[in-house]
Amino acid sequence: MSSSTEPLQTATGGGLPEGATWALNLLARPWTPHLLLLLAQRPTRYRDLHTALPAMSTAVLTGRLRTLTDAGLVCRRLVDGDPGVHYEATAVGAALARPLANLAATAATLYGVAR
């Protein structure tokens, strides 16, 4: 164990680059990682997202999609011949989803060990 007298860096911005703080604060919101992981897989309709995450209210789903879209992590688009709106991860959203997928896989592996 280190006995350094230097202050610890915190996840609230102390010593972290501004972009890291922005991403961590955004991804720490409930359901946001779930949505980003789903949308990084393929473009998905609103109703299919709601079906995939039935415990998430429609109000929260709408709000999270708006937040992710405003942040540039998700885009909303109409598809010819399809009456529904599709959401998909942007390149930036997909890049942030990769470490989330690794975290989820590691957590799933360790879950039984930690219990």
PDB file of N, CA and C in Angstrom:
ATOM      1  N   MET A   1       0.852  -1.175   0.000  1.00  0.00           N
ATOM      2  CA  MET A   1       0.000   0.000   0.000  1.00  0.00           C
ATOM      3  C   MET A   1       0.899   1.239   0.000  1.00  0.00           C
ATOM      4  N   SER A   2       0.531   2.202  -0.787  1.00  0.00           N
ATOM      5  CA  SER A   2       1.323   3.415  -0.920  1.00  0.00           C
ATOM      6  C   SER A   2       1.059   4.364   0.244  1.00  0.00           C
ATOM      7  N   SER A   3       2.096   5.055   0.664  1.00  0.00           N
ATOM      8  CA  SER A   3       1.922   6.024   1.752  1.00  0.00           C
ATOM      9  C   SER A   3       2.107   7.447   1.233  1.00  0.00           C
ATOM     10  N   SER A   4       1.831   7.640  -0.036  1.00  0.00           N
ATOM     11  CA  SER A   4       1.979   8.952  -0.650  1.00  0.00           C
ATOM     12  C   SER A   4       1.064   9.969   0.020  1.00  0.00           C
ATOM     13  N   THR A   5       1.540  11.176   0.091  1.00  0.00           N
ATOM     14  CA  THR A   5       0.730  12.252   0.666  1.00  0.00           C
ATOM     15  C   THR A   5       0.014  13.057  -0.413  1.00  0.00           C
ATOM     16  N   GLU A   6       0.143  12.634  -1.663  1.00  0.00           N
ATOM     17  CA  GLU A   6      -0.552  13.322  -2.748  1.00  0.00           C
ATOM     18  C   GLU A   6      -2.044  13.028  -2.647  1.00  0.00           C
ATOM     19  N   PRO A   7      -2.893  14.012  -2.963  1.00  0.00           N
ATOM     20  CA  PRO A   7      -4.342  13.777  -2.881  1.00  0.00           C
ATOM     21  C   PRO A   7      -4.786  12.765  -3.935  1.00  0.00           C
ATOM     22  N   LEU A   8      -5.819  12.022  -3.602  1.00  0.00           N
ATOM     23  CA  LEU A   8      -6.401  11.073  -4.540  1.00  0.00           C
ATOM     24  C   LEU A   8      -7.125  11.818  -5.651  1.00  0.00           C
ATOM     25  N   GLN A   9      -7.119  11.223  -6.828  1.00  0.00           N
ATOM     26  CA  GLN A   9      -7.902  11.788  -7.916  1.00  0.00           C
ATOM     27  C   GLN A   9      -9.299  11.190  -7.824  1.00  0.00           C
ATOM     28  N   THR A  10     -10.302  12.026  -7.996  1.00  0.00           N
ATOM     29  CA  THR A  10     -11.674  11.568  -7.857  1.00  0.00           C
ATOM     30  C   THR A  10     -12.370  11.494  -9.200  1.00  0.00           C
ATOM     31  N   ALA A  11     -13.482  10.776  -9.221  1.00  0.00           N
ATOM     32  CA  ALA A  11     -14.282  10.663 -10.438  1.00  0.00           C
ATOM     33  C   ALA A  11     -15.152  11.898 -10.655  1.00  0.00           C
ATOM     34  N   THR A  12     -15.075  12.871  -9.798  1.00  0.00           N
ATOM     35  CA  THR A  12     -15.871  14.089  -9.967  1.00  0.00           C
ATOM     36  C   THR A  12     -15.080  15.181 -10.660  1.00  0.00           C
ATOM     37  N   GLY A  13     -13.954  14.816 -11.228  1.00  0.00           N
ATOM     38  CA  GLY A  13     -13.216  15.784 -12.010  1.00  0.00           C
ATOM     39  C   GLY A  13     -11.825  16.066 -11.504  1.00  0.00           C
ATOM     40  N   GLY A  14     -11.512  15.726 -10.287  1.00  0.00           N
ATOM     41  CA  GLY A  14     -10.191  16.006  -9.754  1.00  0.00           C
ATOM     42  C   GLY A  14      -9.124  15.228 -10.501  1.00  0.00           C
ATOM     43  N   GLY A  15      -8.361  15.906 -11.320  1.00  0.00           N
ATOM     44  CA  GLY A  15      -7.269  15.272 -12.036  1.00  0.00           C
ATOM     45  C   GLY A  15      -7.666  14.548 -13.310  1.00  0.00           C
ATOM     46  N   LEU A  16      -8.938  14.432 -13.610  1.00  0.00           N
ATOM     47  CA  LEU A  16      -9.370  13.760 -14.832  1.00  0.00           C
ATOM     48  C   LEU A  16      -9.533  14.774 -15.958  1.00  0.00           C
ATOM     49  N   PRO A  17      -9.215  14.367 -17.182  1.00  0.00           N
ATOM     50  CA  PRO A  17      -9.448  15.272 -18.314  1.00  0.00           C
ATOM     51  C   PRO A  17     -10.940  15.600 -18.425  1.00  0.00           C
ATOM     52  N   GLU A  18     -11.224  16.779 -18.918  1.00  0.00           N
ATOM     53  CA  GLU A  18     -12.614  17.237 -19.022  1.00  0.00           C
ATOM     54  C   GLU A  18     -13.485  16.251 -19.785  1.00  0.00           C
ATOM     55  N   GLY A  19     -12.988  15.701 -20.868  1.00  0.00           N
ATOM     56  CA  GLY A  19     -13.765  14.743 -21.659  1.00  0.00           C
ATOM     57  C   GLY A  19     -14.088  13.478 -20.889  1.00  0.00           C
ATOM     58  N   ALA A  20     -13.148  13.031 -20.054  1.00  0.00           N
ATOM     59  CA  ALA A  20     -13.389  11.829 -19.252  1.00  0.00           C
ATOM     60  C   ALA A  20     -14.482  12.094 -18.230  1.00  0.00           C
ATOM     61  N   THR A  21     -14.445  13.239 -17.603  1.00  0.00           N
ATOM     62  CA  THR A  21     -15.473  13.596 -16.625  1.00  0.00           C
ATOM     63  C   THR A  21     -16.836  13.675 -17.296  1.00  0.00           C
ATOM     64  N   TRP A  22     -16.895  14.278 -18.470  1.00  0.00           N
ATOM     65  CA  TRP A  22     -18.148  14.380 -19.233  1.00  0.00           C
ATOM     66  C   TRP A  22     -18.704  12.989 -19.528  1.00  0.00           C
ATOM     67  N   ALA A  23     -17.863  12.095 -20.045  1.00  0.00           N
ATOM     68  CA  ALA A  23     -18.320  10.756 -20.412  1.00  0.00           C
ATOM     69  C   ALA A  23     -18.756   9.958 -19.187  1.00  0.00           C
ATOM     70  N   LEU A  24     -17.976  10.008 -18.120  1.00  0.00           N
ATOM     71  CA  LEU A  24     -18.322   9.266 -16.910  1.00  0.00           C
ATOM     72  C   LEU A  24     -19.630   9.765 -16.305  1.00  0.00           C
ATOM     73  N   ASN A  25     -19.826  11.066 -16.263  1.00  0.00           N
ATOM     74  CA  ASN A  25     -21.074  11.614 -15.727  1.00  0.00           C
ATOM     75  C   ASN A  25     -22.274  11.222 -16.586  1.00  0.00           C
ATOM     76  N   LEU A  26     -22.106  11.229 -17.892  1.00  0.00           N
ATOM     77  CA  LEU A  26     -23.185  10.853 -18.801  1.00  0.00           C
ATOM     78  C   LEU A  26     -23.503   9.365 -18.667  1.00  0.00           C
ATOM     79  N   LEU A  27     -22.490   8.528 -18.662  1.00  0.00           N
ATOM     80  CA  LEU A  27     -22.697   7.083 -18.628  1.00  0.00           C
ATOM     81  C   LEU A  27     -23.117   6.576 -17.252  1.00  0.00           C
ATOM     82  N   ALA A  28     -22.970   7.398 -16.219  1.00  0.00           N
ATOM     83  CA  ALA A  28     -23.359   6.986 -14.869  1.00  0.00           C
ATOM     84  C   ALA A  28     -24.865   7.078 -14.639  1.00  0.00           C
ATOM     85  N   ARG A  29     -25.576   7.693 -15.562  1.00  0.00           N
ATOM     86  CA  ARG A  29     -27.029   7.829 -15.400  1.00  0.00           C
ATOM     87  C   ARG A  29     -27.702   6.472 -15.596  1.00  0.00           C
ATOM     88  N   PRO A  30     -28.721   6.167 -14.789  1.00  0.00           N
ATOM     89  CA  PRO A  30     -29.410   4.879 -14.932  1.00  0.00           C
ATOM     90  C   PRO A  30     -29.903   4.632 -16.352  1.00  0.00           C
ATOM     91  N   TRP A  31     -29.706   3.443 -16.826  1.00  0.00           N
ATOM     92  CA  TRP A  31     -30.132   2.927 -18.122  1.00  0.00           C
ATOM     93  C   TRP A  31     -29.287   3.400 -19.302  1.00  0.00           C
ATOM     94  N   THR A  32     -28.471   4.411 -19.133  1.00  0.00           N
ATOM     95  CA  THR A  32     -27.683   4.924 -20.253  1.00  0.00           C
ATOM     96  C   THR A  32     -26.726   3.879 -20.813  1.00  0.00           C
ATOM     97  N   PRO A  33     -25.954   3.179 -19.981  1.00  0.00           N
ATOM     98  CA  PRO A  33     -25.064   2.144 -20.548  1.00  0.00           C
ATOM     99  C   PRO A  33     -25.843   1.045 -21.269  1.00  0.00           C
ATOM    100  N   HIS A  34     -26.986   0.664 -20.717  1.00  0.00           N
ATOM    101  CA  HIS A  34     -27.802  -0.382 -21.337  1.00  0.00           C
ATOM    102  C   HIS A  34     -28.200   0.030 -22.760  1.00  0.00           C
ATOM    103  N   LEU A  35     -28.688   1.255 -22.885  1.00  0.00           N
ATOM    104  CA  LEU A  35     -29.102   1.753 -24.199  1.00  0.00           C
ATOM    105  C   LEU A  35     -27.942   1.826 -25.175  1.00  0.00           C
ATOM    106  N   LEU A  36     -26.833   2.343 -24.712  1.00  0.00           N
ATOM    107  CA  LEU A  36     -25.686   2.491 -25.600  1.00  0.00           C
ATOM    108  C   LEU A  36     -25.185   1.128 -26.081  1.00  0.00           C
ATOM    109  N   LEU A  37     -25.165   0.143 -25.195  1.00  0.00           N
ATOM    110  CA  LEU A  37     -24.747  -1.204 -25.593  1.00  0.00           C
ATOM    111  C   LEU A  37     -25.700  -1.799 -26.628  1.00  0.00           C
ATOM    112  N   LEU A  38     -26.998  -1.608 -26.433  1.00  0.00           N
ATOM    113  CA  LEU A  38     -27.968  -2.116 -27.404  1.00  0.00           C
ATOM    114  C   LEU A  38     -27.834  -1.420 -28.751  1.00  0.00           C
ATOM    115  N   LEU A  39     -27.703  -0.096 -28.725  1.00  0.00           N
ATOM    116  CA  LEU A  39     -27.663   0.665 -29.975  1.00  0.00           C
ATOM    117  C   LEU A  39     -26.341   0.512 -30.717  1.00  0.00           C
ATOM    118  N   ALA A  40     -25.295   0.090 -30.021  1.00  0.00           N
ATOM    119  CA  ALA A  40     -24.017  -0.168 -30.699  1.00  0.00           C
ATOM    120  C   ALA A  40     -24.087  -1.468 -31.505  1.00  0.00           C
ATOM    121  N   GLN A  41     -25.062  -2.327 -31.211  1.00  0.00           N
ATOM    122  CA  GLN A  41     -25.209  -3.587 -31.931  1.00  0.00           C
ATOM    123  C   GLN A  41     -25.808  -3.386 -33.316  1.00  0.00           C
ATOM    124  N   ARG A  42     -26.851  -2.538 -33.373  1.00  0.00           N
ATOM    125  CA  ARG A  42     -27.524  -2.300 -34.657  1.00  0.00           C
ATOM    126  C   ARG A  42     -28.566  -1.197 -34.486  1.00  0.00           C
ATOM    127  N   PRO A  43     -28.993  -0.572 -35.581  1.00  0.00           N
ATOM    128  CA  PRO A  43     -30.083   0.397 -35.487  1.00  0.00           C
ATOM    129  C   PRO A  43     -31.335  -0.300 -34.941  1.00  0.00           C
ATOM    130  N   THR A  44     -32.040   0.387 -34.057  1.00  0.00           N
ATOM    131  CA  THR A  44     -33.168  -0.225 -33.367  1.00  0.00           C
ATOM    132  C   THR A  44     -34.312   0.764 -33.229  1.00  0.00           C
ATOM    133  N   ARG A  45     -35.525   0.258 -33.392  1.00  0.00           N
ATOM    134  CA  ARG A  45     -36.710   1.096 -33.223  1.00  0.00           C
ATOM    135  C   ARG A  45     -37.014   1.328 -31.750  1.00  0.00           C
ATOM    136  N   TYR A  46     -37.672   2.426 -31.479  1.00  0.00           N
ATOM    137  CA  TYR A  46     -38.050   2.786 -30.115  1.00  0.00           C
ATOM    138  C   TYR A  46     -38.785   1.637 -29.429  1.00  0.00           C
ATOM    139  N   ARG A  47     -39.776   1.105 -30.074  1.00  0.00           N
ATOM    140  CA  ARG A  47     -40.584   0.056 -29.435  1.00  0.00           C
ATOM    141  C   ARG A  47     -39.765  -1.186 -29.144  1.00  0.00           C
ATOM    142  N   ASP A  48     -38.757  -1.487 -29.989  1.00  0.00           N
ATOM    143  CA  ASP A  48     -37.891  -2.637 -29.744  1.00  0.00           C
ATOM    144  C   ASP A  48     -36.957  -2.382 -28.565  1.00  0.00           C
ATOM    145  N   LEU A  49     -36.544  -1.125 -28.391  1.00  0.00           N
ATOM    146  CA  LEU A  49     -35.749  -0.774 -27.211  1.00  0.00           C
ATOM    147  C   LEU A  49     -36.589  -0.940 -25.947  1.00  0.00           C
ATOM    148  N   HIS A  50     -37.828  -0.491 -26.016  1.00  0.00           N
ATOM    149  CA  HIS A  50     -38.706  -0.624 -24.858  1.00  0.00           C
ATOM    150  C   HIS A  50     -38.981  -2.094 -24.539  1.00  0.00           C
ATOM    151  N   THR A  51     -39.120  -2.916 -25.553  1.00  0.00           N
ATOM    152  CA  THR A  51     -39.317  -4.351 -25.346  1.00  0.00           C
ATOM    153  C   THR A  51     -38.079  -4.986 -24.728  1.00  0.00           C
ATOM    154  N   ALA A  52     -36.902  -4.555 -25.157  1.00  0.00           N
ATOM    155  CA  ALA A  52     -35.647  -5.110 -24.645  1.00  0.00           C
ATOM    156  C   ALA A  52     -35.378  -4.690 -23.204  1.00  0.00           C
ATOM    157  N   LEU A  53     -35.929  -3.543 -22.795  1.00  0.00           N
ATOM    158  CA  LEU A  53     -35.714  -3.012 -21.443  1.00  0.00           C
ATOM    159  C   LEU A  53     -37.072  -2.721 -20.801  1.00  0.00           C
ATOM    160  N   PRO A  54     -37.865  -3.756 -20.526  1.00  0.00           N
ATOM    161  CA  PRO A  54     -39.238  -3.535 -20.055  1.00  0.00           C
ATOM    162  C   PRO A  54     -39.347  -2.836 -18.700  1.00  0.00           C
ATOM    163  N   ALA A  55     -38.311  -2.897 -17.879  1.00  0.00           N
ATOM    164  CA  ALA A  55     -38.368  -2.226 -16.570  1.00  0.00           C
ATOM    165  C   ALA A  55     -38.159  -0.718 -16.688  1.00  0.00           C
ATOM    166  N   MET A  56     -37.742  -0.268 -17.853  1.00  0.00           N
ATOM    167  CA  MET A  56     -37.484   1.153 -18.077  1.00  0.00           C
ATOM    168  C   MET A  56     -38.769   1.828 -18.549  1.00  0.00           C
ATOM    169  N   SER A  57     -39.180   2.876 -17.860  1.00  0.00           N
ATOM    170  CA  SER A  57     -40.409   3.566 -18.256  1.00  0.00           C
ATOM    171  C   SER A  57     -40.216   4.268 -19.604  1.00  0.00           C
ATOM    172  N   THR A  58     -41.329   4.523 -20.283  1.00  0.00           N
ATOM    173  CA  THR A  58     -41.239   5.204 -21.572  1.00  0.00           C
ATOM    174  C   THR A  58     -40.719   6.628 -21.404  1.00  0.00           C
ATOM    175  N   ALA A  59     -41.054   7.271 -20.288  1.00  0.00           N
ATOM    176  CA  ALA A  59     -40.565   8.632 -20.048  1.00  0.00           C
ATOM    177  C   ALA A  59     -39.046   8.639 -19.895  1.00  0.00           C
ATOM    178  N   VAL A  60     -38.517   7.668 -19.159  1.00  0.00           N
ATOM    179  CA  VAL A  60     -37.066   7.595 -18.979  1.00  0.00           C
ATOM    180  C   VAL A  60     -36.395   7.225 -20.301  1.00  0.00           C
ATOM    181  N   LEU A  61     -36.969   6.280 -21.038  1.00  0.00           N
ATOM    182  CA  LEU A  61     -36.403   5.892 -22.333  1.00  0.00           C
ATOM    183  C   LEU A  61     -36.329   7.095 -23.271  1.00  0.00           C
ATOM    184  N   THR A  62     -37.405   7.835 -23.360  1.00  0.00           N
ATOM    185  CA  THR A  62     -37.428   9.032 -24.216  1.00  0.00           C
ATOM    186  C   THR A  62     -36.370  10.034 -23.768  1.00  0.00           C
ATOM    187  N   GLY A  63     -36.285  10.270 -22.471  1.00  0.00           N
ATOM    188  CA  GLY A  63     -35.297  11.224 -21.948  1.00  0.00           C
ATOM    189  C   GLY A  63     -33.866  10.784 -22.206  1.00  0.00           C
ATOM    190  N   ARG A  64     -33.580   9.508 -21.999  1.00  0.00           N
ATOM    191  CA  ARG A  64     -32.210   9.017 -22.218  1.00  0.00           C
ATOM    192  C   ARG A  64     -31.837   9.073 -23.698  1.00  0.00           C
ATOM    193  N   LEU A  65     -32.778   8.720 -24.566  1.00  0.00           N
ATOM    194  CA  LEU A  65     -32.493   8.804 -26.002  1.00  0.00           C
ATOM    195  C   LEU A  65     -32.230  10.247 -26.410  1.00  0.00           C
ATOM    196  N   ARG A  66     -32.985  11.177 -25.867  1.00  0.00           N
ATOM    197  CA  ARG A  66     -32.780  12.593 -26.174  1.00  0.00           C
ATOM    198  C   ARG A  66     -31.401  13.051 -25.675  1.00  0.00           C
ATOM    199  N   THR A  67     -31.043  12.639 -24.458  1.00  0.00           N
ATOM    200  CA  THR A  67     -29.748  13.006 -23.894  1.00  0.00           C
ATOM    201  C   THR A  67     -28.607  12.441 -24.730  1.00  0.00           C
ATOM    202  N   LEU A  68     -28.714  11.176 -25.104  1.00  0.00           N
ATOM    203  CA  LEU A  68     -27.661  10.543 -25.907  1.00  0.00           C
ATOM    204  C   LEU A  68     -27.576  11.157 -27.306  1.00  0.00           C
ATOM    205  N   THR A  69     -28.716  11.525 -27.855  1.00  0.00           N
ATOM    206  CA  THR A  69     -28.734  12.173 -29.168  1.00  0.00           C
ATOM    207  C   THR A  69     -28.108  13.564 -29.074  1.00  0.00           C
ATOM    208  N   ASP A  70     -28.487  14.334 -28.072  1.00  0.00           N
ATOM    209  CA  ASP A  70     -27.923  15.675 -27.878  1.00  0.00           C
ATOM    210  C   ASP A  70     -26.417  15.628 -27.636  1.00  0.00           C
ATOM    211  N   ALA A  71     -25.953  14.554 -26.994  1.00  0.00           N
ATOM    212  CA  ALA A  71     -24.523  14.404 -26.700  1.00  0.00           C
ATOM    213  C   ALA A  71     -23.729  13.896 -27.906  1.00  0.00           C
ATOM    214  N   GLY A  72     -24.428  13.513 -28.978  1.00  0.00           N
ATOM    215  CA  GLY A  72     -23.743  13.031 -30.172  1.00  0.00           C
ATOM    216  C   GLY A  72     -23.351  11.566 -30.118  1.00  0.00           C
ATOM    217  N   LEU A  73     -23.925  10.813 -29.173  1.00  0.00           N
ATOM    218  CA  LEU A  73     -23.600   9.390 -29.057  1.00  0.00           C
ATOM    219  C   LEU A  73     -24.584   8.501 -29.799  1.00  0.00           C
ATOM    220  N   VAL A  74     -25.756   9.058 -30.087  1.00  0.00           N
ATOM    221  CA  VAL A  74     -26.818   8.325 -30.777  1.00  0.00           C
ATOM    222  C   VAL A  74     -27.416   9.245 -31.826  1.00  0.00           C
ATOM    223  N   CYS A  75     -27.816   8.664 -32.947  1.00  0.00           N
ATOM    224  CA  CYS A  75     -28.540   9.461 -33.942  1.00  0.00           C
ATOM    225  C   CYS A  75     -29.912   8.835 -34.168  1.00  0.00           C
ATOM    226  N   ARG A  76     -30.826   9.661 -34.555  1.00  0.00           N
ATOM    227  CA  ARG A  76     -32.219   9.293 -34.804  1.00  0.00           C
ATOM    228  C   ARG A  76     -32.443   9.463 -36.297  1.00  0.00           C
ATOM    229  N   ARG A  77     -33.018   8.432 -36.928  1.00  0.00           N
ATOM    230  CA  ARG A  77     -33.242   8.575 -38.362  1.00  0.00           C
ATOM    231  C   ARG A  77     -34.471   7.808 -38.822  1.00  0.00           C
ATOM    232  N   LEU A  78     -35.041   8.279 -39.908  1.00  0.00           N
ATOM    233  CA  LEU A  78     -36.158   7.600 -40.552  1.00  0.00           C
ATOM    234  C   LEU A  78     -35.597   6.662 -41.610  1.00  0.00           C
ATOM    235  N   VAL A  79     -36.231   5.514 -41.771  1.00  0.00           N
ATOM    236  CA  VAL A  79     -35.789   4.532 -42.756  1.00  0.00           C
ATOM    237  C   VAL A  79     -36.877   4.403 -43.811  1.00  0.00           C
ATOM    238  N   ASP A  80     -36.483   4.490 -45.086  1.00  0.00           N
ATOM    239  CA  ASP A  80     -37.451   4.360 -46.176  1.00  0.00           C
ATOM    240  C   ASP A  80     -38.194   3.036 -46.072  1.00  0.00           C
ATOM    241  N   GLY A  81     -39.506   3.108 -46.220  1.00  0.00           N
ATOM    242  CA  GLY A  81     -40.333   1.912 -46.198  1.00  0.00           C
ATOM    243  C   GLY A  81     -40.620   1.372 -44.809  1.00  0.00           C
ATOM    244  N   ASP A  82     -40.153   2.041 -43.791  1.00  0.00           N
ATOM    245  CA  ASP A  82     -40.388   1.608 -42.409  1.00  0.00           C
ATOM    246  C   ASP A  82     -41.033   2.769 -41.667  1.00  0.00           C
ATOM    247  N   PRO A  83     -42.204   2.553 -41.083  1.00  0.00           N
ATOM    248  CA  PRO A  83     -42.890   3.666 -40.422  1.00  0.00           C
ATOM    249  C   PRO A  83     -42.240   4.127 -39.120  1.00  0.00           C
ATOM    250  N   GLY A  84     -41.375   3.318 -38.539  1.00  0.00           N
ATOM    251  CA  GLY A  84     -40.785   3.673 -37.254  1.00  0.00           C
ATOM    252  C   GLY A  84     -39.500   4.465 -37.374  1.00  0.00           C
ATOM    253  N   VAL A  85     -39.161   5.146 -36.308  1.00  0.00           N
ATOM    254  CA  VAL A  85     -37.894   5.863 -36.199  1.00  0.00           C
ATOM    255  C   VAL A  85     -36.864   4.892 -35.653  1.00  0.00           C
ATOM    256  N   HIS A  86     -35.672   4.936 -36.218  1.00  0.00           N
ATOM    257  CA  HIS A  86     -34.588   4.080 -35.747  1.00  0.00           C
ATOM    258  C   HIS A  86     -33.550   4.930 -35.009  1.00  0.00           C
ATOM    259  N   TYR A  87     -32.987   4.345 -33.978  1.00  0.00           N
ATOM    260  CA  TYR A  87     -31.895   4.958 -33.232  1.00  0.00           C
ATOM    261  C   TYR A  87     -30.678   4.072 -33.408  1.00  0.00           C
ATOM    262  N   GLU A  88     -29.510   4.703 -33.520  1.00  0.00           N
ATOM    263  CA  GLU A  88     -28.278   3.918 -33.611  1.00  0.00           C
ATOM    264  C   GLU A  88     -27.128   4.705 -33.004  1.00  0.00           C
ATOM    265  N   ALA A  89     -26.130   3.967 -32.546  1.00  0.00           N
ATOM    266  CA  ALA A  89     -24.948   4.606 -31.978  1.00  0.00           C
ATOM    267  C   ALA A  89     -24.163   5.279 -33.088  1.00  0.00           C
ATOM    268  N   THR A  90     -23.662   6.456 -32.820  1.00  0.00           N
ATOM    269  CA  THR A  90     -22.736   7.121 -33.741  1.00  0.00           C
ATOM    270  C   THR A  90     -21.368   6.472 -33.566  1.00  0.00           C
ATOM    271  N   ALA A  91     -20.393   6.915 -34.333  1.00  0.00           N
ATOM    272  CA  ALA A  91     -19.036   6.384 -34.186  1.00  0.00           C
ATOM    273  C   ALA A  91     -18.506   6.636 -32.774  1.00  0.00           C
ATOM    274  N   VAL A  92     -18.805   7.805 -32.231  1.00  0.00           N
ATOM    275  CA  VAL A  92     -18.367   8.128 -30.868  1.00  0.00           C
ATOM    276  C   VAL A  92     -19.100   7.240 -29.860  1.00  0.00           C
ATOM    277  N   GLY A  93     -20.391   7.064 -30.043  1.00  0.00           N
ATOM    278  CA  GLY A  93     -21.167   6.201 -29.154  1.00  0.00           C
ATOM    279  C   GLY A  93     -20.674   4.764 -29.197  1.00  0.00           C
ATOM    280  N   ALA A  94     -20.377   4.271 -30.392  1.00  0.00           N
ATOM    281  CA  ALA A  94     -19.863   2.905 -30.526  1.00  0.00           C
ATOM    282  C   ALA A  94     -18.493   2.768 -29.865  1.00  0.00           C
ATOM    283  N   ALA A  95     -17.674   3.812 -29.974  1.00  0.00           N
ATOM    284  CA  ALA A  95     -16.352   3.773 -29.335  1.00  0.00           C
ATOM    285  C   ALA A  95     -16.487   3.715 -27.814  1.00  0.00           C
ATOM    286  N   LEU A  96     -17.456   4.436 -27.247  1.00  0.00           N
ATOM    287  CA  LEU A  96     -17.673   4.379 -25.800  1.00  0.00           C
ATOM    288  C   LEU A  96     -18.333   3.064 -25.377  1.00  0.00           C
ATOM    289  N   ALA A  97     -19.081   2.447 -26.277  1.00  0.00           N
ATOM    290  CA  ALA A  97     -19.743   1.180 -25.938  1.00  0.00           C
ATOM    291  C   ALA A  97     -18.747   0.028 -25.826  1.00  0.00           C
ATOM    292  N   ARG A  98     -17.632   0.087 -26.550  1.00  0.00           N
ATOM    293  CA  ARG A  98     -16.669  -1.028 -26.498  1.00  0.00           C
ATOM    294  C   ARG A  98     -16.143  -1.274 -25.090  1.00  0.00           C
ATOM    295  N   PRO A  99     -15.640  -0.259 -24.366  1.00  0.00           N
ATOM    296  CA  PRO A  99     -15.198  -0.555 -22.999  1.00  0.00           C
ATOM    297  C   PRO A  99     -16.353  -0.923 -22.068  1.00  0.00           C
ATOM    298  N   LEU A 100     -17.559  -0.431 -22.348  1.00  0.00           N
ATOM    299  CA  LEU A 100     -18.717  -0.832 -21.550  1.00  0.00           C
ATOM    300  C   LEU A 100     -19.008  -2.319 -21.736  1.00  0.00           C
ATOM    301  N   ALA A 101     -18.885  -2.795 -22.976  1.00  0.00           N
ATOM    302  CA  ALA A 101     -19.100  -4.219 -23.250  1.00  0.00           C
ATOM    303  C   ALA A 101     -18.057  -5.064 -22.524  1.00  0.00           C
ATOM    304  N   ASN A 102     -16.807  -4.595 -22.518  1.00  0.00           N
ATOM    305  CA  ASN A 102     -15.755  -5.317 -21.788  1.00  0.00           C
ATOM    306  C   ASN A 102     -16.047  -5.328 -20.292  1.00  0.00           C
ATOM    307  N   LEU A 103     -16.478  -4.202 -19.756  1.00  0.00           N
ATOM    308  CA  LEU A 103     -16.830  -4.117 -18.342  1.00  0.00           C
ATOM    309  C   LEU A 103     -17.975  -5.071 -18.019  1.00  0.00           C
ATOM    310  N   ALA A 104     -18.993  -5.091 -18.863  1.00  0.00           N
ATOM    311  CA  ALA A 104     -20.141  -5.968 -18.636  1.00  0.00           C
ATOM    312  C   ALA A 104     -19.726  -7.438 -18.662  1.00  0.00           C
ATOM    313  N   ALA A 105     -18.858  -7.792 -19.608  1.00  0.00           N
ATOM    314  CA  ALA A 105     -18.416  -9.180 -19.700  1.00  0.00           C
ATOM    315  C   ALA A 105     -17.585  -9.567 -18.471  1.00  0.00           C
ATOM    316  N   THR A 106     -16.702  -8.694 -18.029  1.00  0.00           N
ATOM    317  CA  THR A 106     -15.894  -8.964 -16.840  1.00  0.00           C
ATOM    318  C   THR A 106     -16.784  -9.071 -15.606  1.00  0.00           C
ATOM    319  N   ALA A 107     -17.737  -8.158 -15.474  1.00  0.00           N
ATOM    320  CA  ALA A 107     -18.646  -8.175 -14.319  1.00  0.00           C
ATOM    321  C   ALA A 107     -19.469  -9.474 -14.299  1.00  0.00           C
ATOM    322  N   ALA A 108     -19.920  -9.915 -15.459  1.00  0.00           N
ATOM    323  CA  ALA A 108     -20.692 -11.161 -15.527  1.00  0.00           C
ATOM    324  C   ALA A 108     -19.848 -12.347 -15.084  1.00  0.00           C
ATOM    325  N   THR A 109     -18.582 -12.357 -15.465  1.00  0.00           N
ATOM    326  CA  THR A 109     -17.672 -13.425 -15.067  1.00  0.00           C
ATOM    327  C   THR A 109     -17.405 -13.411 -13.571  1.00  0.00           C
ATOM    328  N   LEU A 110     -17.220 -12.227 -13.017  1.00  0.00           N
ATOM    329  CA  LEU A 110     -16.854 -12.095 -11.602  1.00  0.00           C
ATOM    330  C   LEU A 110     -18.061 -12.128 -10.671  1.00  0.00           C
ATOM    331  N   TYR A 111     -19.249 -11.980 -11.195  1.00  0.00           N
ATOM    332  CA  TYR A 111     -20.451 -11.886 -10.363  1.00  0.00           C
ATOM    333  C   TYR A 111     -20.581 -13.072  -9.411  1.00  0.00           C
ATOM    334  N   GLY A 112     -20.426 -14.275  -9.934  1.00  0.00           N
ATOM    335  CA  GLY A 112     -20.537 -15.470  -9.094  1.00  0.00           C
ATOM    336  C   GLY A 112     -19.402 -15.576  -8.092  1.00  0.00           C
ATOM    337  N   VAL A 113     -18.238 -15.078  -8.442  1.00  0.00           N
ATOM    338  CA  VAL A 113     -17.071 -15.149  -7.553  1.00  0.00           C
ATOM    339  C   VAL A 113     -17.258 -14.203  -6.364  1.00  0.00           C
ATOM    340  N   ALA A 114     -17.825 -13.034  -6.606  1.00  0.00           N
ATOM    341  CA  ALA A 114     -17.966 -12.024  -5.570  1.00  0.00           C
ATOM    342  C   ALA A 114     -19.121 -12.320  -4.616  1.00  0.00           C
ATOM    343  N   ARG A 115     -20.026 -13.170  -4.993  1.00  0.00           N
ATOM    344  CA  ARG A 115     -21.214 -13.439  -4.167  1.00  0.00           C
ATOM    345  C   ARG A 115     -20.946 -14.455  -3.116  1.00  0.00           C
TER     346      ARG A 115
END
